[in-house]
């Protein structure tokens, strides 16, 4: 194809074509940059939303964590109290059992007027948990002897003072013995 246009017009057409091409490339580049900026802006908004969500979530977890720590401290405190109580009750003599045994050993004619229990302070070496003091009434020396023998079967260091044995009838007696 022959180009019959003068040189100047050809150059003008060439310049116009280059200008249009540059303008199109500039618009495409600008549009790409604007799209890229919009994509980055939407990513920023999305990440910001996620960050604020994570901050709220973290604050809730911290609040729950502090509540759990408080609860855990309370539980530890209660557990230590329960351990102390358990230890206390494990080391104590079962007074209900002791009184049940005493009443089981008591002959019908004998009755008690006093029952005292003293927890052992210096007797731990001997593995005694305490000492019991009894006072009561027995109609005869024989029933008091039966009661003493019954106590000696279950308890240690059963002691009836000598004045208990002076009167043959209507005896007001006292006794002491140790409980394991």
Protein backbone atom coordinates (compact mmCIF):
# COMPACT_ATOMS: atom_id res chain seq x y z
CA UNK A 1 0.00 0.00 0.00
CA UNK A 2 1.16 3.35 -0.95
CA UNK A 3 1.04 6.25 1.36
CA UNK A 4 0.36 9.37 -0.66
CA UNK A 5 0.11 11.69 2.30
CA UNK A 6 2.75 14.28 2.76
CA UNK A 7 5.51 13.64 5.24
CA UNK A 8 4.25 16.16 7.77
CA UNK A 9 0.78 14.63 7.93
CA UNK A 10 2.27 11.21 8.23
CA UNK A 11 4.27 12.37 11.22
CA UNK A 12 1.22 14.03 12.72
CA UNK A 13 -0.75 10.81 12.29
CA UNK A 14 2.14 8.87 13.78
CA UNK A 15 2.32 11.28 16.73
CA UNK A 16 -1.44 11.10 17.17
CA UNK A 17 -1.27 7.32 17.09
CA UNK A 18 1.58 7.33 19.67
CA UNK A 19 -0.36 9.81 21.80
CA UNK A 20 -3.45 7.58 21.69
CA UNK A 21 -1.35 4.52 22.50
CA UNK A 22 0.35 6.36 25.37
CA UNK A 23 -3.00 7.63 26.59
CA UNK A 24 -4.49 4.12 26.48
CA UNK A 25 -1.46 2.64 28.26
CA UNK A 26 -1.61 5.43 30.84
CA UNK A 27 -5.34 4.88 31.43
CA UNK A 28 -4.85 1.10 31.69
CA UNK A 29 -1.92 1.60 34.09
CA UNK A 30 -3.85 4.13 36.13
CA UNK A 31 -6.89 1.85 36.22
CA UNK A 32 -4.66 -1.05 37.30
CA UNK A 33 -3.12 1.07 40.05
CA UNK A 34 -6.56 2.20 41.21
CA UNK A 35 -7.77 -1.42 41.26
CA UNK A 36 -4.65 -2.47 43.12
CA UNK A 37 -5.16 0.35 45.65
CA UNK A 38 -8.81 -0.67 46.10
CA UNK A 39 -7.77 -4.28 46.63
CA UNK A 40 -5.19 -3.20 49.23
CA UNK A 41 -7.77 -0.96 50.91
CA UNK A 42 -10.29 -3.82 51.12
CA UNK A 43 -7.57 -6.11 52.53
CA UNK A 44 -6.72 -3.42 55.10
CA UNK A 45 -10.39 -3.12 56.13
CA UNK A 46 -10.74 -6.90 56.32
CA UNK A 47 -7.58 -7.31 58.41
CA UNK A 48 -8.63 -4.39 60.63
CA UNK A 49 -11.99 -6.08 61.25
CA UNK A 50 -10.28 -9.37 62.01
CA UNK A 51 -7.84 -7.58 64.32
CA UNK A 52 -10.60 -5.88 66.28
CA UNK A 53 -12.45 -9.23 66.48
CA UNK A 54 -9.28 -10.91 67.78
CA UNK A 55 -8.75 -8.11 70.35
CA UNK A 56 -12.30 -8.57 71.66
CA UNK A 57 -11.83 -12.35 71.66
CA UNK A 58 -8.51 -11.97 73.53
CA UNK A 59 -10.10 -9.69 76.15
CA UNK A 60 -12.90 -12.21 76.69
CA UNK A 61 -10.38 -15.01 77.07
CA UNK A 62 -8.37 -12.93 79.55
CA UNK A 63 -11.54 -12.29 81.56
CA UNK A 64 -12.39 -15.99 81.47
CA UNK A 65 -8.80 -16.84 82.35
CA UNK A 66 -8.85 -14.55 85.38
CA UNK A 67 -12.18 -16.05 86.44
CA UNK A 68 -10.72 -19.53 85.99
CA UNK A 69 -7.64 -18.55 87.98
CA UNK A 70 -9.83 -17.19 90.78
CA UNK A 71 -11.88 -20.38 90.69
CA UNK A 72 -8.73 -22.48 90.65
CA UNK A 73 -7.33 -20.57 93.65
CA UNK A 74 -10.61 -21.08 95.51
CA UNK A 75 -10.55 -24.78 94.65
CA UNK A 76 -6.94 -25.08 95.87
CA UNK A 77 -7.87 -23.30 99.08
CA UNK A 78 -10.88 -25.55 99.62
CA UNK A 79 -8.83 -28.64 98.79
CA UNK A 80 -6.19 -27.69 101.34
CA UNK A 81 -8.92 -27.12 103.95
CA UNK A 82 -10.46 -30.49 103.08
CA UNK A 83 -7.04 -32.17 103.33
CA UNK A 84 -6.52 -30.61 106.75
CA UNK A 85 -9.98 -31.74 107.86
CA UNK A 86 -9.37 -35.22 106.52
CA UNK A 87 -6.02 -35.37 108.28
CA UNK A 88 -7.63 -34.10 111.48
CA UNK A 89 -10.39 -36.72 111.36
CA UNK A 90 -7.95 -39.48 110.42
CA UNK A 91 -5.83 -38.71 113.49
CA UNK A 92 -8.72 -38.32 115.90
CA UNK A 93 -10.13 -41.16 117.95
CA UNK A 94 -13.65 -42.11 117.00
CA UNK A 95 -15.44 -41.03 120.18
CA UNK A 96 -18.72 -42.46 118.98
CA UNK A 97 -17.05 -45.84 118.65
CA UNK A 98 -15.39 -45.47 122.05
CA UNK A 99 -18.68 -44.57 123.75
CA UNK A 100 -20.42 -47.45 121.95
CA UNK A 101 -17.75 -49.86 123.20
CA UNK A 102 -17.98 -48.52 126.75
CA UNK A 103 -21.76 -48.85 126.79
CA UNK A 104 -21.41 -52.38 125.38
CA UNK A 105 -19.02 -53.32 128.20
CA UNK A 106 -21.21 -51.75 130.89
CA UNK A 107 -23.09 -54.33 132.99
CA UNK A 108 -26.81 -53.60 133.47
CA UNK A 109 -26.49 -52.61 137.09
CA UNK A 110 -23.64 -50.13 136.47
CA UNK A 111 -24.26 -46.64 135.18
CA UNK A 112 -21.98 -43.73 134.36
CA UNK A 113 -22.28 -40.22 135.74
CA UNK A 114 -19.28 -38.66 133.97
CA UNK A 115 -17.36 -39.30 130.76
CA UNK A 116 -14.43 -37.05 129.80
CA UNK A 117 -12.06 -37.39 126.86
CA UNK A 118 -8.69 -35.62 126.81
CA UNK A 119 -6.82 -35.58 123.54
CA UNK A 120 -3.29 -36.82 123.97
CA UNK A 121 -0.64 -34.14 123.76
CA UNK A 122 2.50 -35.93 124.84
CA UNK A 123 1.38 -39.45 124.11
CA UNK A 124 1.93 -39.48 120.32
CA UNK A 125 5.09 -41.52 120.76
CA UNK A 126 3.04 -44.26 122.33
CA UNK A 127 0.45 -43.97 119.56
CA UNK A 128 -2.42 -43.13 121.90
CA UNK A 129 -4.95 -40.58 120.76
CA UNK A 130 -6.27 -39.70 124.17
CA UNK A 131 -7.28 -40.60 127.67
CA UNK A 132 -10.81 -41.26 128.95
CA UNK A 133 -11.98 -40.53 132.48
CA UNK A 134 -15.10 -42.29 133.77
CA UNK A 135 -17.11 -41.88 136.93
CA UNK A 136 -20.20 -43.83 137.85
CA UNK A 137 -22.06 -46.10 140.24
CA UNK A 138 -21.86 -49.87 140.68
CA UNK A 139 -24.10 -51.85 143.09
CA UNK A 140 -21.38 -54.39 143.97
CA UNK A 141 -17.69 -55.08 143.75
CA UNK A 142 -18.36 -58.07 141.44
CA UNK A 143 -20.15 -55.98 138.79
CA UNK A 144 -17.35 -53.41 138.95
CA UNK A 145 -14.80 -56.21 138.44
CA UNK A 146 -16.73 -57.44 135.38
CA UNK A 147 -16.77 -53.90 133.98
CA UNK A 148 -13.00 -53.52 134.55
CA UNK A 149 -12.23 -56.83 132.80
CA UNK A 150 -14.44 -55.83 129.86
CA UNK A 151 -12.60 -52.52 129.50
CA UNK A 152 -9.21 -54.24 129.67
CA UNK A 153 -10.16 -56.36 126.64
CA UNK A 154 -10.37 -53.29 124.37
CA UNK A 155 -8.42 -50.44 125.98
CA UNK A 156 -4.88 -49.96 127.32
CA UNK A 157 -3.75 -48.89 130.77
CA UNK A 158 -7.14 -49.31 132.42
CA UNK A 159 -6.84 -47.95 135.96
CA UNK A 160 -9.37 -48.10 138.80
CA UNK A 161 -8.06 -46.36 141.96
CA UNK A 162 -7.81 -48.49 145.13
CA UNK A 163 -10.56 -46.50 146.90
CA UNK A 164 -13.03 -47.99 144.37
CA UNK A 165 -12.55 -51.41 145.95
CA UNK A 166 -12.95 -50.44 149.61
CA UNK A 167 -16.75 -50.69 149.82
CA UNK A 168 -18.37 -54.04 148.92
CA UNK A 169 -21.68 -52.45 147.77
CA UNK A 170 -23.01 -49.11 146.49
CA UNK A 171 -19.68 -48.09 144.98
CA UNK A 172 -19.11 -44.68 143.41
CA UNK A 173 -16.16 -45.39 141.14
CA UNK A 174 -13.72 -43.59 138.86
CA UNK A 175 -11.55 -45.05 136.12
CA UNK A 176 -9.10 -43.94 133.47
CA UNK A 177 -7.82 -45.65 130.34
CA UNK A 178 -6.10 -44.79 127.08
CA UNK A 179 -7.61 -44.95 123.62
CA UNK A 180 -5.67 -45.72 120.47
